[in-house]
PDB file of all heavy atoms in Angstrom:
ATOM      1  N   MET A   1       4.357 -13.233   3.083  1.00  0.00           N
ATOM      2  CA  MET A   1       3.020 -12.680   2.861  1.00  0.00           C
ATOM      3  C   MET A   1       2.619 -11.674   3.931  1.00  0.00           C
ATOM      4  O   MET A   1       1.730 -10.857   3.710  1.00  0.00           O
ATOM      5  CB  MET A   1       1.983 -13.798   2.779  1.00  0.00           C
ATOM      6  CG  MET A   1       2.009 -14.587   1.480  1.00  0.00           C
ATOM      7  SD  MET A   1       1.724 -13.588  -0.005  1.00  0.00           S
ATOM      8  CE  MET A   1       0.009 -13.128   0.231  1.00  0.00           C
ATOM      9  N   ASP A   2       3.265 -11.687   5.084  1.00  0.00           N
ATOM     10  CA  ASP A   2       2.961 -10.684   6.105  1.00  0.00           C
ATOM     11  C   ASP A   2       3.303  -9.274   5.608  1.00  0.00           C
ATOM     12  O   ASP A   2       2.624  -8.298   5.955  1.00  0.00           O
ATOM     13  CB  ASP A   2       3.722 -10.977   7.395  1.00  0.00           C
ATOM     14  CG  ASP A   2       3.083 -12.095   8.211  1.00  0.00           C
ATOM     15  OD1 ASP A   2       1.952 -12.496   7.880  1.00  0.00           O
ATOM     16  OD2 ASP A   2       3.723 -12.571   9.170  1.00  0.00           O
ATOM     17  N   TYR A   3       4.339  -9.154   4.789  1.00  0.00           N
ATOM     18  CA  TYR A   3       4.736  -7.850   4.257  1.00  0.00           C
ATOM     19  C   TYR A   3       3.736  -7.379   3.196  1.00  0.00           C
ATOM     20  O   TYR A   3       3.463  -6.184   3.070  1.00  0.00           O
ATOM     21  CB  TYR A   3       6.154  -7.935   3.686  1.00  0.00           C
ATOM     22  CG  TYR A   3       7.159  -8.310   4.744  1.00  0.00           C
ATOM     23  CD1 TYR A   3       7.399  -9.649   5.057  1.00  0.00           C
ATOM     24  CD2 TYR A   3       7.822  -7.341   5.486  1.00  0.00           C
ATOM     25  CE1 TYR A   3       8.276 -10.009   6.073  1.00  0.00           C
ATOM     26  CE2 TYR A   3       8.714  -7.686   6.500  1.00  0.00           C
ATOM     27  CZ  TYR A   3       8.923  -9.023   6.786  1.00  0.00           C
ATOM     28  OH  TYR A   3       9.791  -9.369   7.791  1.00  0.00           O
ATOM     29  N   VAL A   4       3.170  -8.338   2.465  1.00  0.00           N
ATOM     30  CA  VAL A   4       2.122  -8.025   1.495  1.00  0.00           C
ATOM     31  C   VAL A   4       0.869  -7.557   2.229  1.00  0.00           C
ATOM     32  O   VAL A   4       0.224  -6.581   1.839  1.00  0.00           O
ATOM     33  CB  VAL A   4       1.819  -9.253   0.608  1.00  0.00           C
ATOM     34  CG1 VAL A   4       0.748  -8.930  -0.428  1.00  0.00           C
ATOM     35  CG2 VAL A   4       3.092  -9.753  -0.084  1.00  0.00           C
ATOM     36  N   ARG A   5       0.534  -8.249   3.317  1.00  0.00           N
ATOM     37  CA  ARG A   5      -0.632  -7.858   4.124  1.00  0.00           C
ATOM     38  C   ARG A   5      -0.425  -6.478   4.760  1.00  0.00           C
ATOM     39  O   ARG A   5      -1.373  -5.710   4.902  1.00  0.00           O
ATOM     40  CB  ARG A   5      -0.888  -8.909   5.209  1.00  0.00           C
ATOM     41  CG  ARG A   5      -1.274 -10.285   4.663  1.00  0.00           C
ATOM     42  CD  ARG A   5      -1.504 -11.294   5.781  1.00  0.00           C
ATOM     43  NE  ARG A   5      -1.803 -12.609   5.244  1.00  0.00           N
ATOM     44  CZ  ARG A   5      -0.984 -13.654   5.293  1.00  0.00           C
ATOM     45  NH1 ARG A   5       0.181 -13.554   5.905  1.00  0.00           N
ATOM     46  NH2 ARG A   5      -1.330 -14.814   4.766  1.00  0.00           N
ATOM     47  N   ASP A   6       0.823  -6.179   5.152  1.00  0.00           N
ATOM     48  CA  ASP A   6       1.118  -4.851   5.704  1.00  0.00           C
ATOM     49  C   ASP A   6       0.818  -3.761   4.681  1.00  0.00           C
ATOM     50  O   ASP A   6       0.215  -2.731   5.016  1.00  0.00           O
ATOM     51  CB  ASP A   6       2.593  -4.754   6.112  1.00  0.00           C
ATOM     52  CG  ASP A   6       2.915  -5.517   7.389  1.00  0.00           C
ATOM     53  OD1 ASP A   6       1.986  -5.770   8.186  1.00  0.00           O
ATOM     54  OD2 ASP A   6       4.092  -5.857   7.580  1.00  0.00           O
ATOM     55  N   LEU A   7       1.241  -3.977   3.449  1.00  0.00           N
ATOM     56  CA  LEU A   7       0.985  -2.991   2.396  1.00  0.00           C
ATOM     57  C   LEU A   7      -0.509  -2.818   2.171  1.00  0.00           C
ATOM     58  O   LEU A   7      -1.014  -1.689   2.066  1.00  0.00           O
ATOM     59  CB  LEU A   7       1.677  -3.420   1.096  1.00  0.00           C
ATOM     60  CG  LEU A   7       1.378  -2.572  -0.146  1.00  0.00           C
ATOM     61  CD1 LEU A   7       1.706  -1.097   0.085  1.00  0.00           C
ATOM     62  CD2 LEU A   7       2.132  -3.109  -1.359  1.00  0.00           C
ATOM     63  N   ASP A   8      -1.237  -3.926   2.116  1.00  0.00           N
ATOM     64  CA  ASP A   8      -2.688  -3.843   1.926  1.00  0.00           C
ATOM     65  C   ASP A   8      -3.340  -3.098   3.093  1.00  0.00           C
ATOM     66  O   ASP A   8      -4.234  -2.273   2.889  1.00  0.00           O
ATOM     67  CB  ASP A   8      -3.270  -5.249   1.792  1.00  0.00           C
ATOM     68  CG  ASP A   8      -4.720  -5.242   1.350  1.00  0.00           C
ATOM     69  OD1 ASP A   8      -4.991  -4.776   0.227  1.00  0.00           O
ATOM     70  OD2 ASP A   8      -5.587  -5.685   2.127  1.00  0.00           O
ATOM     71  N   SER A   9      -2.870  -3.375   4.303  1.00  0.00           N
ATOM     72  CA  SER A   9      -3.409  -2.690   5.488  1.00  0.00           C
ATOM     73  C   SER A   9      -3.122  -1.190   5.427  1.00  0.00           C
ATOM     74  O   SER A   9      -3.968  -0.369   5.808  1.00  0.00           O
ATOM     75  CB  SER A   9      -2.789  -3.275   6.764  1.00  0.00           C
ATOM     76  OG  SER A   9      -3.101  -4.635   6.907  1.00  0.00           O
ATOM     77  N   PHE A  10      -1.939  -0.826   4.956  1.00  0.00           N
ATOM     78  CA  PHE A  10      -1.566   0.586   4.872  1.00  0.00           C
ATOM     79  C   PHE A  10      -2.438   1.332   3.869  1.00  0.00           C
ATOM     80  O   PHE A  10      -2.874   2.463   4.120  1.00  0.00           O
ATOM     81  CB  PHE A  10      -0.092   0.715   4.495  1.00  0.00           C
ATOM     82  CG  PHE A  10       0.425   2.129   4.525  1.00  0.00           C
ATOM     83  CD1 PHE A  10       0.370   2.870   5.697  1.00  0.00           C
ATOM     84  CD2 PHE A  10       0.964   2.718   3.396  1.00  0.00           C
ATOM     85  CE1 PHE A  10       0.836   4.183   5.742  1.00  0.00           C
ATOM     86  CE2 PHE A  10       1.439   4.013   3.420  1.00  0.00           C
ATOM     87  CZ  PHE A  10       1.382   4.756   4.591  1.00  0.00           C
ATOM     88  N   VAL A  11      -2.722   0.687   2.739  1.00  0.00           N
ATOM     89  CA  VAL A  11      -3.587   1.316   1.730  1.00  0.00           C
ATOM     90  C   VAL A  11      -4.982   1.547   2.295  1.00  0.00           C
ATOM     91  O   VAL A  11      -5.591   2.607   2.089  1.00  0.00           O
ATOM     92  CB  VAL A  11      -3.637   0.456   0.445  1.00  0.00           C
ATOM     93  CG1 VAL A  11      -4.714   0.961  -0.508  1.00  0.00           C
ATOM     94  CG2 VAL A  11      -2.275   0.456  -0.248  1.00  0.00           C
ATOM     95  N   HIS A  12      -5.491   0.575   3.043  1.00  0.00           N
ATOM     96  CA  HIS A  12      -6.801   0.755   3.685  1.00  0.00           C
ATOM     97  C   HIS A  12      -6.731   1.864   4.748  1.00  0.00           C
ATOM     98  O   HIS A  12      -7.678   2.644   4.897  1.00  0.00           O
ATOM     99  CB  HIS A  12      -7.276  -0.553   4.316  1.00  0.00           C
ATOM    100  CG  HIS A  12      -7.809  -1.541   3.324  1.00  0.00           C
ATOM    101  ND1 HIS A  12      -9.060  -1.428   2.758  1.00  0.00           N
ATOM    102  CD2 HIS A  12      -7.267  -2.662   2.791  1.00  0.00           C
ATOM    103  CE1 HIS A  12      -9.271  -2.424   1.921  1.00  0.00           C
ATOM    104  NE2 HIS A  12      -8.197  -3.189   1.911  1.00  0.00           N
ATOM    105  N   TYR A  13      -5.606   1.933   5.448  1.00  0.00           N
ATOM    106  CA  TYR A  13      -5.441   2.941   6.496  1.00  0.00           C
ATOM    107  C   TYR A  13      -5.467   4.355   5.909  1.00  0.00           C
ATOM    108  O   TYR A  13      -6.203   5.224   6.406  1.00  0.00           O
ATOM    109  CB  TYR A  13      -4.131   2.707   7.246  1.00  0.00           C
ATOM    110  CG  TYR A  13      -3.814   3.793   8.257  1.00  0.00           C
ATOM    111  CD1 TYR A  13      -4.451   3.823   9.490  1.00  0.00           C
ATOM    112  CD2 TYR A  13      -2.892   4.805   7.954  1.00  0.00           C
ATOM    113  CE1 TYR A  13      -4.180   4.826  10.412  1.00  0.00           C
ATOM    114  CE2 TYR A  13      -2.612   5.812   8.874  1.00  0.00           C
ATOM    115  CZ  TYR A  13      -3.261   5.821  10.100  1.00  0.00           C
ATOM    116  OH  TYR A  13      -3.004   6.818  10.999  1.00  0.00           O
ATOM    117  N   ILE A  14      -4.679   4.608   4.864  1.00  0.00           N
ATOM    118  CA  ILE A  14      -4.668   5.968   4.311  1.00  0.00           C
ATOM    119  C   ILE A  14      -5.982   6.280   3.593  1.00  0.00           C
ATOM    120  O   ILE A  14      -6.353   7.448   3.447  1.00  0.00           O
ATOM    121  CB  ILE A  14      -3.449   6.219   3.387  1.00  0.00           C
ATOM    122  CG1 ILE A  14      -3.493   5.343   2.140  1.00  0.00           C
ATOM    123  CG2 ILE A  14      -2.149   6.024   4.150  1.00  0.00           C
ATOM    124  CD1 ILE A  14      -2.383   5.679   1.139  1.00  0.00           C
ATOM    125  N   GLY A  15      -6.688   5.226   3.189  1.00  0.00           N
ATOM    126  CA  GLY A  15      -8.021   5.445   2.637  1.00  0.00           C
ATOM    127  C   GLY A  15      -8.973   5.978   3.688  1.00  0.00           C
ATOM    128  O   GLY A  15      -9.762   6.893   3.435  1.00  0.00           O
ATOM    129  N   ARG A  16      -8.889   5.417   4.902  1.00  0.00           N
ATOM    130  CA  ARG A  16      -9.754   5.851   6.003  1.00  0.00           C
ATOM    131  C   ARG A  16      -9.305   7.194   6.574  1.00  0.00           C
ATOM    132  O   ARG A  16     -10.121   8.092   6.775  1.00  0.00           O
ATOM    133  CB  ARG A  16      -9.747   4.812   7.136  1.00  0.00           C
ATOM    134  CG  ARG A  16     -10.404   3.503   6.824  1.00  0.00           C
ATOM    135  CD  ARG A  16     -10.565   2.670   8.088  1.00  0.00           C
ATOM    136  NE  ARG A  16      -9.319   2.498   8.834  1.00  0.00           N
ATOM    137  CZ  ARG A  16      -8.453   1.514   8.638  1.00  0.00           C
ATOM    138  NH1 ARG A  16      -8.693   0.609   7.708  1.00  0.00           N
ATOM    139  NH2 ARG A  16      -7.354   1.424   9.378  1.00  0.00           N
ATOM    140  N   GLU A  17      -8.016   7.317   6.862  1.00  0.00           N
ATOM    141  CA  GLU A  17      -7.511   8.475   7.595  1.00  0.00           C
ATOM    142  C   GLU A  17      -7.247   9.697   6.708  1.00  0.00           C
ATOM    143  O   GLU A  17      -7.359  10.835   7.169  1.00  0.00           O
ATOM    144  CB  GLU A  17      -6.218   8.101   8.327  1.00  0.00           C
ATOM    145  CG  GLU A  17      -6.404   7.026   9.390  1.00  0.00           C
ATOM    146  CD  GLU A  17      -7.335   7.469  10.502  1.00  0.00           C
ATOM    147  OE1 GLU A  17      -7.201   8.622  10.970  1.00  0.00           O
ATOM    148  OE2 GLU A  17      -8.196   6.660  10.916  1.00  0.00           O
ATOM    149  N   TYR A  18      -6.888   9.469   5.457  1.00  0.00           N
ATOM    150  CA  TYR A  18      -6.541  10.577   4.570  1.00  0.00           C
ATOM    151  C   TYR A  18      -7.469  10.682   3.360  1.00  0.00           C
ATOM    152  O   TYR A  18      -7.260  11.520   2.479  1.00  0.00           O
ATOM    153  CB  TYR A  18      -5.086  10.431   4.093  1.00  0.00           C
ATOM    154  CG  TYR A  18      -4.078  10.585   5.204  1.00  0.00           C
ATOM    155  CD1 TYR A  18      -3.674   9.489   5.966  1.00  0.00           C
ATOM    156  CD2 TYR A  18      -3.542  11.835   5.513  1.00  0.00           C
ATOM    157  CE1 TYR A  18      -2.755   9.630   6.998  1.00  0.00           C
ATOM    158  CE2 TYR A  18      -2.617  11.980   6.543  1.00  0.00           C
ATOM    159  CZ  TYR A  18      -2.232  10.877   7.282  1.00  0.00           C
ATOM    160  OH  TYR A  18      -1.318  11.031   8.299  1.00  0.00           O
ATOM    161  N   LEU A  19      -8.481   9.802   3.324  1.00  0.00           N
ATOM    162  CA  LEU A  19      -9.477   9.802   2.241  1.00  0.00           C
ATOM    163  C   LEU A  19      -8.826   9.679   0.870  1.00  0.00           C
ATOM    164  O   LEU A  19      -9.228  10.330  -0.099  1.00  0.00           O
ATOM    165  CB  LEU A  19     -10.338  11.070   2.311  1.00  0.00           C
ATOM    166  CG  LEU A  19     -11.079  11.298   3.644  1.00  0.00           C
ATOM    167  CD1 LEU A  19     -11.887  12.583   3.591  1.00  0.00           C
ATOM    168  CD2 LEU A  19     -11.972  10.108   3.990  1.00  0.00           C
ATOM    169  N   VAL A  20      -7.815   8.835   0.791  1.00  0.00           N
ATOM    170  CA  VAL A  20      -7.130   8.572  -0.484  1.00  0.00           C
ATOM    171  C   VAL A  20      -7.756   7.339  -1.119  1.00  0.00           C
ATOM    172  O   VAL A  20      -7.697   6.245  -0.567  1.00  0.00           O
ATOM    173  CB  VAL A  20      -5.620   8.352  -0.275  1.00  0.00           C
ATOM    174  CG1 VAL A  20      -4.950   8.015  -1.615  1.00  0.00           C
ATOM    175  CG2 VAL A  20      -4.976   9.583   0.346  1.00  0.00           C
ATOM    176  N   ASP A  21      -8.348   7.514  -2.287  1.00  0.00           N
ATOM    177  CA  ASP A  21      -8.954   6.402  -3.021  1.00  0.00           C
ATOM    178  C   ASP A  21      -7.856   5.581  -3.687  1.00  0.00           C
ATOM    179  O   ASP A  21      -6.886   6.144  -4.208  1.00  0.00           O
ATOM    180  CB  ASP A  21      -9.921   6.944  -4.080  1.00  0.00           C
ATOM    181  CG  ASP A  21     -10.837   5.864  -4.629  1.00  0.00           C
ATOM    182  OD1 ASP A  21     -10.314   4.899  -5.218  1.00  0.00           O
ATOM    183  OD2 ASP A  21     -12.065   5.988  -4.490  1.00  0.00           O
ATOM    184  N   SER A  22      -8.014   4.271  -3.703  1.00  0.00           N
ATOM    185  CA  SER A  22      -6.963   3.414  -4.261  1.00  0.00           C
ATOM    186  C   SER A  22      -6.660   3.738  -5.723  1.00  0.00           C
ATOM    187  O   SER A  22      -5.515   3.632  -6.162  1.00  0.00           O
ATOM    188  CB  SER A  22      -7.353   1.933  -4.128  1.00  0.00           C
ATOM    189  OG  SER A  22      -8.513   1.648  -4.877  1.00  0.00           O
ATOM    190  N   LYS A  23      -7.664   4.172  -6.474  1.00  0.00           N
ATOM    191  CA  LYS A  23      -7.428   4.496  -7.897  1.00  0.00           C
ATOM    192  C   LYS A  23      -6.527   5.707  -8.069  1.00  0.00           C
ATOM    193  O   LYS A  23      -5.991   5.945  -9.164  1.00  0.00           O
ATOM    194  CB  LYS A  23      -8.752   4.697  -8.625  1.00  0.00           C
ATOM    195  CG  LYS A  23      -9.540   5.906  -8.194  1.00  0.00           C
ATOM    196  CD  LYS A  23     -10.835   6.057  -8.976  1.00  0.00           C
ATOM    197  CE  LYS A  23     -11.692   7.191  -8.454  1.00  0.00           C
ATOM    198  NZ  LYS A  23     -11.017   8.491  -8.361  1.00  0.00           N
ATOM    199  N   ASP A  24      -6.334   6.465  -7.001  1.00  0.00           N
ATOM    200  CA  ASP A  24      -5.467   7.643  -7.039  1.00  0.00           C
ATOM    201  C   ASP A  24      -4.088   7.364  -6.453  1.00  0.00           C
ATOM    202  O   ASP A  24      -3.331   8.291  -6.167  1.00  0.00           O
ATOM    203  CB  ASP A  24      -6.124   8.799  -6.267  1.00  0.00           C
ATOM    204  CG  ASP A  24      -7.420   9.253  -6.907  1.00  0.00           C
ATOM    205  OD1 ASP A  24      -7.502   9.240  -8.140  1.00  0.00           O
ATOM    206  OD2 ASP A  24      -8.358   9.597  -6.165  1.00  0.00           O
ATOM    207  N   ILE A  25      -3.764   6.076  -6.294  1.00  0.00           N
ATOM    208  CA  ILE A  25      -2.481   5.691  -5.711  1.00  0.00           C
ATOM    209  C   ILE A  25      -1.578   5.065  -6.767  1.00  0.00           C
ATOM    210  O   ILE A  25      -2.006   4.194  -7.541  1.00  0.00           O
ATOM    211  CB  ILE A  25      -2.676   4.686  -4.559  1.00  0.00           C
ATOM    212  CG1 ILE A  25      -3.408   5.336  -3.381  1.00  0.00           C
ATOM    213  CG2 ILE A  25      -1.338   4.106  -4.091  1.00  0.00           C
ATOM    214  CD1 ILE A  25      -3.775   4.367  -2.279  1.00  0.00           C
ATOM    215  N   PHE A  26      -0.322   5.501  -6.806  1.00  0.00           N
ATOM    216  CA  PHE A  26       0.717   4.865  -7.614  1.00  0.00           C
ATOM    217  C   PHE A  26       1.797   4.420  -6.640  1.00  0.00           C
ATOM    218  O   PHE A  26       2.187   5.174  -5.753  1.00  0.00           O
ATOM    219  CB  PHE A  26       1.291   5.853  -8.637  1.00  0.00           C
ATOM    220  CG  PHE A  26       2.198   5.210  -9.657  1.00  0.00           C
ATOM    221  CD1 PHE A  26       1.717   4.844 -10.901  1.00  0.00           C
ATOM    222  CD2 PHE A  26       3.540   4.963  -9.365  1.00  0.00           C
ATOM    223  CE1 PHE A  26       2.545   4.236 -11.831  1.00  0.00           C
ATOM    224  CE2 PHE A  26       4.372   4.361 -10.289  1.00  0.00           C
ATOM    225  CZ  PHE A  26       3.876   4.003 -11.537  1.00  0.00           C
ATOM    226  N   VAL A  27       2.273   3.167  -6.788  1.00  0.00           N
ATOM    227  CA  VAL A  27       3.220   2.602  -5.824  1.00  0.00           C
ATOM    228  C   VAL A  27       4.600   2.428  -6.462  1.00  0.00           C
ATOM    229  O   VAL A  27       4.722   1.902  -7.564  1.00  0.00           O
ATOM    230  CB  VAL A  27       2.730   1.245  -5.283  1.00  0.00           C
ATOM    231  CG1 VAL A  27       3.632   0.766  -4.150  1.00  0.00           C
ATOM    232  CG2 VAL A  27       1.283   1.332  -4.795  1.00  0.00           C
ATOM    233  N   ILE A  28       5.620   2.866  -5.732  1.00  0.00           N
ATOM    234  CA  ILE A  28       7.016   2.762  -6.167  1.00  0.00           C
ATOM    235  C   ILE A  28       7.764   1.912  -5.154  1.00  0.00           C
ATOM    236  O   ILE A  28       7.667   2.152  -3.946  1.00  0.00           O
ATOM    237  CB  ILE A  28       7.667   4.158  -6.272  1.00  0.00           C
ATOM    238  CG1 ILE A  28       6.894   5.039  -7.266  1.00  0.00           C
ATOM    239  CG2 ILE A  28       9.134   4.047  -6.683  1.00  0.00           C
ATOM    240  CD1 ILE A  28       7.286   6.504  -7.203  1.00  0.00           C
ATOM    241  N   ALA A  29       8.527   0.914  -5.630  1.00  0.00           N
ATOM    242  CA  ALA A  29       9.196   0.020  -4.681  1.00  0.00           C
ATOM    243  C   ALA A  29      10.526  -0.463  -5.237  1.00  0.00           C
ATOM    244  O   ALA A  29      10.629  -0.796  -6.419  1.00  0.00           O
ATOM    245  CB  ALA A  29       8.300  -1.176  -4.371  1.00  0.00           C
ATOM    246  N   ASN A  30      11.510  -0.521  -4.366  1.00  0.00           N
ATOM    247  CA  ASN A  30      12.864  -0.926  -4.737  1.00  0.00           C
ATOM    248  C   ASN A  30      13.198  -2.310  -4.157  1.00  0.00           C
ATOM    249  O   ASN A  30      12.877  -2.599  -3.008  1.00  0.00           O
ATOM    250  CB  ASN A  30      13.840   0.132  -4.207  1.00  0.00           C
ATOM    251  CG  ASN A  30      15.296  -0.095  -4.628  1.00  0.00           C
ATOM    252  OD1 ASN A  30      16.198   0.465  -4.038  1.00  0.00           O
ATOM    253  ND2 ASN A  30      15.542  -0.896  -5.647  1.00  0.00           N
ATOM    254  N   SER A  31      13.808  -3.162  -4.975  1.00  0.00           N
ATOM    255  CA  SER A  31      14.396  -4.431  -4.545  1.00  0.00           C
ATOM    256  C   SER A  31      13.361  -5.403  -3.976  1.00  0.00           C
ATOM    257  O   SER A  31      12.390  -5.743  -4.640  1.00  0.00           O
ATOM    258  CB  SER A  31      15.516  -4.162  -3.537  1.00  0.00           C
ATOM    259  OG  SER A  31      16.242  -5.341  -3.270  1.00  0.00           O
ATOM    260  N   ILE A  32      13.552  -5.839  -2.713  1.00  0.00           N
ATOM    261  CA  ILE A  32      12.626  -6.784  -2.096  1.00  0.00           C
ATOM    262  C   ILE A  32      11.215  -6.214  -2.050  1.00  0.00           C
ATOM    263  O   ILE A  32      10.232  -6.930  -2.259  1.00  0.00           O
ATOM    264  CB  ILE A  32      13.120  -7.151  -0.679  1.00  0.00           C
ATOM    265  CG1 ILE A  32      14.347  -8.058  -0.769  1.00  0.00           C
ATOM    266  CG2 ILE A  32      12.022  -7.823   0.135  1.00  0.00           C
ATOM    267  CD1 ILE A  32      15.004  -8.358   0.562  1.00  0.00           C
ATOM    268  N   ALA A  33      11.118  -4.907  -1.800  1.00  0.00           N
ATOM    269  CA  ALA A  33       9.795  -4.269  -1.771  1.00  0.00           C
ATOM    270  C   ALA A  33       9.105  -4.381  -3.124  1.00  0.00           C
ATOM    271  O   ALA A  33       7.865  -4.407  -3.199  1.00  0.00           O
ATOM    272  CB  ALA A  33       9.928  -2.804  -1.363  1.00  0.00           C
ATOM    273  N   GLY A  34       9.887  -4.476  -4.219  1.00  0.00           N
ATOM    274  CA  GLY A  34       9.293  -4.673  -5.539  1.00  0.00           C
ATOM    275  C   GLY A  34       8.571  -5.995  -5.651  1.00  0.00           C
ATOM    276  O   GLY A  34       7.544  -6.108  -6.336  1.00  0.00           O
ATOM    277  N   VAL A  35       9.082  -7.016  -4.979  1.00  0.00           N
ATOM    278  CA  VAL A  35       8.411  -8.324  -4.959  1.00  0.00           C
ATOM    279  C   VAL A  35       7.147  -8.238  -4.115  1.00  0.00           C
ATOM    280  O   VAL A  35       6.110  -8.807  -4.462  1.00  0.00           O
ATOM    281  CB  VAL A  35       9.354  -9.424  -4.427  1.00  0.00           C
ATOM    282  CG1 VAL A  35       8.708 -10.805  -4.597  1.00  0.00           C
ATOM    283  CG2 VAL A  35      10.698  -9.388  -5.136  1.00  0.00           C
ATOM    284  N   VAL A  36       7.216  -7.509  -3.007  1.00  0.00           N
ATOM    285  CA  VAL A  36       6.043  -7.308  -2.149  1.00  0.00           C
ATOM    286  C   VAL A  36       4.920  -6.652  -2.939  1.00  0.00           C
ATOM    287  O   VAL A  36       3.767  -7.114  -2.919  1.00  0.00           O
ATOM    288  CB  VAL A  36       6.410  -6.445  -0.920  1.00  0.00           C
ATOM    289  CG1 VAL A  36       5.151  -6.052  -0.147  1.00  0.00           C
ATOM    290  CG2 VAL A  36       7.376  -7.191  -0.009  1.00  0.00           C
TER     291      VAL A  36
END
């Protein structure tokens, strides 16, 4: 779950620093990252 929390933290980070709204995000992940 720490890796899941990292992803959530990153989304909040780019929301603050780059003004990226979550609705404008599409996530691509391979293998273990797909489970995350």
